[in-house]
Amino acid sequence: MDSYSGYTESELIDLLRQNDQQALSALYYLHVKKLTYYIQRTAQSPFLAEDIVHDTFIKIWENRNDIDPDKPFKAYLFTIAKRNLLNMLKRAQHETAIMSEFRKYAVERENTTEMQIDYNESSSLISEAINSLSGQCKEVFVRCRIKGLTYKQAADELGITESTVNKHMNRALTLIREYIKLKNAVSVLMACVALIK
């Protein structure tokens, strides 16, 4: 990274467009503090801001060939971050609305034992899903979501980059969702088979 300290932002973007990952790191360290502050003001959560910032730089890398080196990079960066934040807020609002509807129409159960069984089954399924992860993907998930470490702390502990931590987290969350969907689908299928018999 130090060898890139003498480069202008425009030169770093040219290097980035030539698939230079160190140029991405240099741009990251150049903008991360201001971008994190900008996102955190709206998101009101340091963990959420960190996720959005990392997702933003992954998008920068994925779309590096579309960056116009003649236009201000900061404006482009902040626009992507803002879009990521808005998309995340829309998803959260949608999920909140669904939960609100679910609560409104849910039948109240008097049997707390049944509720406890449901809770235990859900917790067990999530534990199974986490245990199905392997290698660094699991290590990263446990550190970030269970132990509450930041991406930087997890990266330091594991001796990897923050962007690698972010990739592992995205993969872990996708695999956990898929595992839970599959298990739920199998449960529904088994229930249908039992009804047919």
C-alpha atoms as a PDB file:
ATOM      1  CA  MET A   1       0.000   0.000   0.000  1.00  0.00           C
ATOM      2  CA  ASP A   2       2.852   2.456   0.847  1.00  0.00           C
ATOM      3  CA  SER A   3       4.216   2.133  -2.698  1.00  0.00           C
ATOM      4  CA  TYR A   4       0.907   3.614  -3.919  1.00  0.00           C
ATOM      5  CA  SER A   5       0.953   6.650  -1.625  1.00  0.00           C
ATOM      6  CA  GLY A   6       2.535   8.860  -4.284  1.00  0.00           C
ATOM      7  CA  TYR A   7      -0.137   8.134  -6.885  1.00  0.00           C
ATOM      8  CA  THR A   8      -2.940  10.554  -7.695  1.00  0.00           C
ATOM      9  CA  GLU A   9      -6.511   9.323  -7.474  1.00  0.00           C
ATOM     10  CA  SER A  10      -6.751   9.391 -11.272  1.00  0.00           C
ATOM     11  CA  GLU A  11      -3.635   7.205 -11.564  1.00  0.00           C
ATOM     12  CA  LEU A  12      -5.057   4.775  -8.993  1.00  0.00           C
ATOM     13  CA  ILE A  13      -8.268   4.512 -11.030  1.00  0.00           C
ATOM     14  CA  ASP A  14      -6.249   3.775 -14.178  1.00  0.00           C
ATOM     15  CA  LEU A  15      -4.438   1.008 -12.273  1.00  0.00           C
ATOM     16  CA  LEU A  16      -7.749  -0.274 -10.891  1.00  0.00           C
ATOM     17  CA  ARG A  17      -9.128  -0.502 -14.429  1.00  0.00           C
ATOM     18  CA  GLN A  18      -6.071  -2.673 -15.235  1.00  0.00           C
ATOM     19  CA  ASN A  19      -7.188  -5.148 -12.510  1.00  0.00           C
ATOM     20  CA  ASP A  20      -4.718  -3.907  -9.876  1.00  0.00           C
ATOM     21  CA  GLN A  21      -6.091  -4.976  -6.473  1.00  0.00           C
ATOM     22  CA  GLN A  22      -3.542  -2.850  -4.595  1.00  0.00           C
ATOM     23  CA  ALA A  23      -4.988   0.211  -6.329  1.00  0.00           C
ATOM     24  CA  LEU A  24      -8.410  -0.767  -4.943  1.00  0.00           C
ATOM     25  CA  SER A  25      -6.880  -1.027  -1.454  1.00  0.00           C
ATOM     26  CA  ALA A  26      -5.264   2.392  -1.870  1.00  0.00           C
ATOM     27  CA  LEU A  27      -8.611   3.922  -2.925  1.00  0.00           C
ATOM     28  CA  TYR A  28     -10.300   2.135  -0.016  1.00  0.00           C
ATOM     29  CA  TYR A  29      -7.919   3.620   2.562  1.00  0.00           C
ATOM     30  CA  LEU A  30      -8.208   7.007   0.900  1.00  0.00           C
ATOM     31  CA  HIS A  31     -12.017   7.130   1.260  1.00  0.00           C
ATOM     32  CA  VAL A  32     -13.093   4.634   3.947  1.00  0.00           C
ATOM     33  CA  LYS A  33     -13.345   7.054   6.890  1.00  0.00           C
ATOM     34  CA  LYS A  34     -15.485   9.675   5.146  1.00  0.00           C
ATOM     35  CA  LEU A  35     -17.637   7.057   3.443  1.00  0.00           C
ATOM     36  CA  THR A  36     -18.237   5.173   6.704  1.00  0.00           C
ATOM     37  CA  TYR A  37     -19.164   8.423   8.474  1.00  0.00           C
ATOM     38  CA  TYR A  38     -21.545   9.349   5.623  1.00  0.00           C
ATOM     39  CA  ILE A  39     -23.330   5.963   5.740  1.00  0.00           C
ATOM     40  CA  GLN A  40     -23.386   5.719   9.531  1.00  0.00           C
ATOM     41  CA  ARG A  41     -25.181   9.079   9.838  1.00  0.00           C
ATOM     42  CA  THR A  42     -28.171   7.524   8.075  1.00  0.00           C
ATOM     43  CA  ALA A  43     -27.859   3.857   9.032  1.00  0.00           C
ATOM     44  CA  GLN A  44     -27.266   4.636  12.738  1.00  0.00           C
ATOM     45  CA  SER A  45     -25.329   1.377  13.072  1.00  0.00           C
ATOM     46  CA  PRO A  46     -21.553   0.929  12.828  1.00  0.00           C
ATOM     47  CA  PHE A  47     -21.952  -2.734  11.810  1.00  0.00           C
ATOM     48  CA  LEU A  48     -24.427  -1.875   9.063  1.00  0.00           C
ATOM     49  CA  ALA A  49     -22.245   0.988   7.848  1.00  0.00           C
ATOM     50  CA  GLU A  50     -19.261  -1.362   7.713  1.00  0.00           C
ATOM     51  CA  ASP A  51     -21.235  -3.913   5.656  1.00  0.00           C
ATOM     52  CA  ILE A  52     -22.414  -1.251   3.214  1.00  0.00           C
ATOM     53  CA  VAL A  53     -18.913   0.217   2.802  1.00  0.00           C
ATOM     54  CA  HIS A  54     -17.462  -3.238   2.064  1.00  0.00           C
ATOM     55  CA  ASP A  55     -20.283  -4.036  -0.374  1.00  0.00           C
ATOM     56  CA  THR A  56     -19.639  -0.685  -2.078  1.00  0.00           C
ATOM     57  CA  PHE A  57     -15.965  -1.464  -2.661  1.00  0.00           C
ATOM     58  CA  ILE A  58     -16.841  -4.940  -3.942  1.00  0.00           C
ATOM     59  CA  LYS A  59     -19.150  -3.248  -6.470  1.00  0.00           C
ATOM     60  CA  ILE A  60     -16.339  -0.824  -7.359  1.00  0.00           C
ATOM     61  CA  TRP A  61     -14.097  -3.810  -8.085  1.00  0.00           C
ATOM     62  CA  GLU A  62     -16.785  -5.654 -10.046  1.00  0.00           C
ATOM     63  CA  ASN A  63     -17.546  -2.551 -12.158  1.00  0.00           C
ATOM     64  CA  ARG A  64     -13.980  -1.213 -12.387  1.00  0.00           C
ATOM     65  CA  ASN A  65     -14.079  -1.102 -16.192  1.00  0.00           C
ATOM     66  CA  ASP A  66     -17.146   1.188 -16.131  1.00  0.00           C
ATOM     67  CA  ILE A  67     -15.434   3.873 -14.023  1.00  0.00           C
ATOM     68  CA  ASP A  68     -14.804   7.056 -15.975  1.00  0.00           C
ATOM     69  CA  PRO A  69     -11.311   8.246 -14.932  1.00  0.00           C
ATOM     70  CA  ASP A  70     -12.171  11.785 -16.091  1.00  0.00           C
ATOM     71  CA  LYS A  71     -15.082  12.132 -13.623  1.00  0.00           C
ATOM     72  CA  PRO A  72     -14.751  12.622  -9.840  1.00  0.00           C
ATOM     73  CA  PHE A  73     -14.352   9.211  -8.208  1.00  0.00           C
ATOM     74  CA  LYS A  74     -15.713  10.359  -4.845  1.00  0.00           C
ATOM     75  CA  ALA A  75     -19.109  11.242  -6.343  1.00  0.00           C
ATOM     76  CA  TYR A  76     -19.264   7.840  -8.076  1.00  0.00           C
ATOM     77  CA  LEU A  77     -18.259   6.036  -4.860  1.00  0.00           C
ATOM     78  CA  PHE A  78     -20.797   7.858  -2.688  1.00  0.00           C
ATOM     79  CA  THR A  79     -23.575   7.283  -5.250  1.00  0.00           C
ATOM     80  CA  ILE A  80     -22.974   3.516  -5.156  1.00  0.00           C
ATOM     81  CA  ALA A  81     -22.860   3.565  -1.347  1.00  0.00           C
ATOM     82  CA  LYS A  82     -26.113   5.545  -1.198  1.00  0.00           C
ATOM     83  CA  ARG A  83     -27.805   3.049  -3.555  1.00  0.00           C
ATOM     84  CA  ASN A  84     -26.590   0.143  -1.403  1.00  0.00           C
ATOM     85  CA  LEU A  85     -27.918   1.857   1.710  1.00  0.00           C
ATOM     86  CA  LEU A  86     -31.320   2.614   0.130  1.00  0.00           C
ATOM     87  CA  ASN A  87     -31.661  -0.964  -1.125  1.00  0.00           C
ATOM     88  CA  MET A  88     -30.819  -2.291   2.331  1.00  0.00           C
ATOM     89  CA  LEU A  89     -33.330   0.081   3.984  1.00  0.00           C
ATOM     90  CA  LYS A  90     -36.050  -0.975   1.506  1.00  0.00           C
ATOM     91  CA  ARG A  91     -35.371  -4.643   2.255  1.00  0.00           C
ATOM     92  CA  ALA A  92     -35.469  -3.973   6.005  1.00  0.00           C
ATOM     93  CA  GLN A  93     -38.736  -2.026   5.649  1.00  0.00           C
ATOM     94  CA  HIS A  94     -40.244  -4.838   3.579  1.00  0.00           C
ATOM     95  CA  GLU A  95     -39.176  -7.468   6.118  1.00  0.00           C
ATOM     96  CA  THR A  96     -40.588  -5.348   8.963  1.00  0.00           C
ATOM     97  CA  ALA A  97     -43.910  -5.025   7.126  1.00  0.00           C
ATOM     98  CA  ILE A  98     -44.071  -8.785   6.584  1.00  0.00           C
ATOM     99  CA  MET A  99     -43.355  -9.455  10.271  1.00  0.00           C
ATOM    100  CA  SER A 100     -45.969  -6.882  11.261  1.00  0.00           C
ATOM    101  CA  GLU A 101     -48.582  -8.607   9.055  1.00  0.00           C
ATOM    102  CA  PHE A 102     -47.556 -11.970  10.417  1.00  0.00           C
ATOM    103  CA  ARG A 103     -47.977 -10.767  14.012  1.00  0.00           C
ATOM    104  CA  LYS A 104     -51.325  -9.173  13.198  1.00  0.00           C
ATOM    105  CA  TYR A 105     -52.806 -12.402  11.858  1.00  0.00           C
ATOM    106  CA  ALA A 106     -50.916 -14.895  13.984  1.00  0.00           C
ATOM    107  CA  VAL A 107     -53.081 -16.931  16.300  1.00  0.00           C
ATOM    108  CA  GLU A 108     -52.082 -16.427  19.904  1.00  0.00           C
ATOM    109  CA  ARG A 109     -51.021 -19.631  21.494  1.00  0.00           C
ATOM    110  CA  GLU A 110     -51.765 -20.350  25.068  1.00  0.00           C
ATOM    111  CA  ASN A 111     -49.505 -23.342  25.134  1.00  0.00           C
ATOM    112  CA  THR A 112     -46.098 -21.910  26.039  1.00  0.00           C
ATOM    113  CA  THR A 113     -44.570 -25.397  25.787  1.00  0.00           C
ATOM    114  CA  GLU A 114     -45.466 -25.463  22.083  1.00  0.00           C
ATOM    115  CA  MET A 115     -43.883 -22.017  21.646  1.00  0.00           C
ATOM    116  CA  GLN A 116     -40.732 -23.201  23.429  1.00  0.00           C
ATOM    117  CA  ILE A 117     -40.552 -26.266  21.150  1.00  0.00           C
ATOM    118  CA  ASP A 118     -40.865 -24.009  18.051  1.00  0.00           C
ATOM    119  CA  TYR A 119     -38.132 -21.721  19.392  1.00  0.00           C
ATOM    120  CA  ASN A 120     -35.845 -24.667  20.136  1.00  0.00           C
ATOM    121  CA  GLU A 121     -36.429 -26.117  16.648  1.00  0.00           C
ATOM    122  CA  SER A 122     -35.599 -22.753  15.016  1.00  0.00           C
ATOM    123  CA  SER A 123     -32.444 -22.328  17.115  1.00  0.00           C
ATOM    124  CA  SER A 124     -31.416 -25.892  16.348  1.00  0.00           C
ATOM    125  CA  LEU A 125     -31.926 -25.328  12.593  1.00  0.00           C
ATOM    126  CA  ILE A 126     -29.789 -22.152  12.659  1.00  0.00           C
ATOM    127  CA  SER A 127     -27.073 -23.984  14.616  1.00  0.00           C
ATOM    128  CA  GLU A 128     -27.160 -26.821  12.068  1.00  0.00           C
ATOM    129  CA  ALA A 129     -26.877 -24.288   9.238  1.00  0.00           C
ATOM    130  CA  ILE A 130     -23.850 -22.614  10.880  1.00  0.00           C
ATOM    131  CA  ASN A 131     -22.223 -25.991  11.529  1.00  0.00           C
ATOM    132  CA  SER A 132     -22.707 -26.905   7.856  1.00  0.00           C
ATOM    133  CA  LEU A 133     -20.336 -24.084   6.907  1.00  0.00           C
ATOM    134  CA  SER A 134     -16.743 -25.065   6.382  1.00  0.00           C
ATOM    135  CA  GLY A 135     -13.241 -23.618   6.695  1.00  0.00           C
ATOM    136  CA  GLN A 136     -12.660 -19.888   6.777  1.00  0.00           C
ATOM    137  CA  CYS A 137     -16.266 -19.186   5.820  1.00  0.00           C
ATOM    138  CA  LYS A 138     -17.389 -20.608   9.193  1.00  0.00           C
ATOM    139  CA  GLU A 139     -14.494 -18.983  11.067  1.00  0.00           C
ATOM    140  CA  VAL A 140     -15.422 -15.559   9.673  1.00  0.00           C
ATOM    141  CA  PHE A 141     -19.155 -15.981  10.370  1.00  0.00           C
ATOM    142  CA  VAL A 142     -18.583 -17.079  13.971  1.00  0.00           C
ATOM    143  CA  ARG A 143     -16.243 -14.164  14.654  1.00  0.00           C
ATOM    144  CA  CYS A 144     -18.416 -11.481  13.022  1.00  0.00           C
ATOM    145  CA  ARG A 145     -21.969 -12.590  13.824  1.00  0.00           C
ATOM    146  CA  ILE A 146     -21.606 -14.633  16.996  1.00  0.00           C
ATOM    147  CA  LYS A 147     -18.608 -13.056  18.732  1.00  0.00           C
ATOM    148  CA  GLY A 148     -19.500  -9.577  17.406  1.00  0.00           C
ATOM    149  CA  LEU A 149     -16.091  -8.693  15.961  1.00  0.00           C
ATOM    150  CA  THR A 150     -15.810  -6.045  13.252  1.00  0.00           C
ATOM    151  CA  TYR A 151     -14.624  -7.129   9.808  1.00  0.00           C
ATOM    152  CA  LYS A 152     -11.243  -5.519  10.557  1.00  0.00           C
ATOM    153  CA  GLN A 153     -10.869  -7.394  13.863  1.00  0.00           C
ATOM    154  CA  ALA A 154     -11.823 -10.704  12.211  1.00  0.00           C
ATOM    155  CA  ALA A 155      -9.409 -10.010   9.344  1.00  0.00           C
ATOM    156  CA  ASP A 156      -6.575  -9.289  11.812  1.00  0.00           C
ATOM    157  CA  GLU A 157      -7.304 -12.451  13.815  1.00  0.00           C
ATOM    158  CA  LEU A 158      -7.408 -14.655  10.718  1.00  0.00           C
ATOM    159  CA  GLY A 159      -4.572 -12.911   8.861  1.00  0.00           C
ATOM    160  CA  ILE A 160      -6.731 -12.073   5.824  1.00  0.00           C
ATOM    161  CA  THR A 161      -7.995  -8.862   4.207  1.00  0.00           C
ATOM    162  CA  GLU A 162     -11.256  -7.124   5.122  1.00  0.00           C
ATOM    163  CA  SER A 163     -12.552  -7.691   1.588  1.00  0.00           C
ATOM    164  CA  THR A 164     -11.940 -11.448   2.031  1.00  0.00           C
ATOM    165  CA  VAL A 165     -13.890 -11.309   5.308  1.00  0.00           C
ATOM    166  CA  ASN A 166     -16.736  -9.569   3.470  1.00  0.00           C
ATOM    167  CA  LYS A 167     -16.749 -12.241   0.718  1.00  0.00           C
ATOM    168  CA  HIS A 168     -16.842 -15.032   3.329  1.00  0.00           C
ATOM    169  CA  MET A 169     -19.700 -13.290   5.191  1.00  0.00           C
ATOM    170  CA  ASN A 170     -21.769 -12.924   2.020  1.00  0.00           C
ATOM    171  CA  ARG A 171     -21.155 -16.577   1.160  1.00  0.00           C
ATOM    172  CA  ALA A 172     -21.957 -17.734   4.717  1.00  0.00           C
ATOM    173  CA  LEU A 173     -25.258 -15.826   4.789  1.00  0.00           C
ATOM    174  CA  THR A 174     -26.241 -17.210   1.376  1.00  0.00           C
ATOM    175  CA  LEU A 175     -25.396 -20.796   2.422  1.00  0.00           C
ATOM    176  CA  ILE A 176     -27.273 -20.454   5.729  1.00  0.00           C
ATOM    177  CA  ARG A 177     -30.391 -19.127   3.951  1.00  0.00           C
ATOM    178  CA  GLU A 178     -30.212 -21.955   1.389  1.00  0.00           C
ATOM    179  CA  TYR A 179     -29.753 -24.564   4.138  1.00  0.00           C
ATOM    180  CA  ILE A 180     -32.787 -23.298   6.082  1.00  0.00           C
ATOM    181  CA  LYS A 181     -34.933 -23.112   2.898  1.00  0.00           C
ATOM    182  CA  LEU A 182     -33.948 -26.666   1.970  1.00  0.00           C
ATOM    183  CA  LYS A 183     -34.697 -28.021   5.449  1.00  0.00           C
ATOM    184  CA  ASN A 184     -38.068 -26.228   5.522  1.00  0.00           C
ATOM    185  CA  ALA A 185     -38.920 -27.559   2.057  1.00  0.00           C
ATOM    186  CA  VAL A 186     -38.052 -31.104   3.169  1.00  0.00           C
ATOM    187  CA  SER A 187     -40.260 -30.686   6.288  1.00  0.00           C
ATOM    188  CA  VAL A 188     -43.207 -29.522   4.163  1.00  0.00           C
ATOM    189  CA  LEU A 189     -42.669 -32.406   1.734  1.00  0.00           C
ATOM    190  CA  MET A 190     -42.572 -34.937   4.586  1.00  0.00           C
ATOM    191  CA  ALA A 191     -45.779 -33.456   6.030  1.00  0.00           C
ATOM    192  CA  CYS A 192     -47.492 -33.771   2.613  1.00  0.00           C
ATOM    193  CA  VAL A 193     -46.337 -37.390   2.254  1.00  0.00           C
ATOM    194  CA  ALA A 194     -47.673 -38.150   5.732  1.00  0.00           C
ATOM    195  CA  LEU A 195     -51.063 -36.621   4.806  1.00  0.00           C
ATOM    196  CA  ILE A 196     -51.271 -38.669   1.578  1.00  0.00           C
ATOM    197  CA  LYS A 197     -50.700 -41.901   3.497  1.00  0.00           C
END
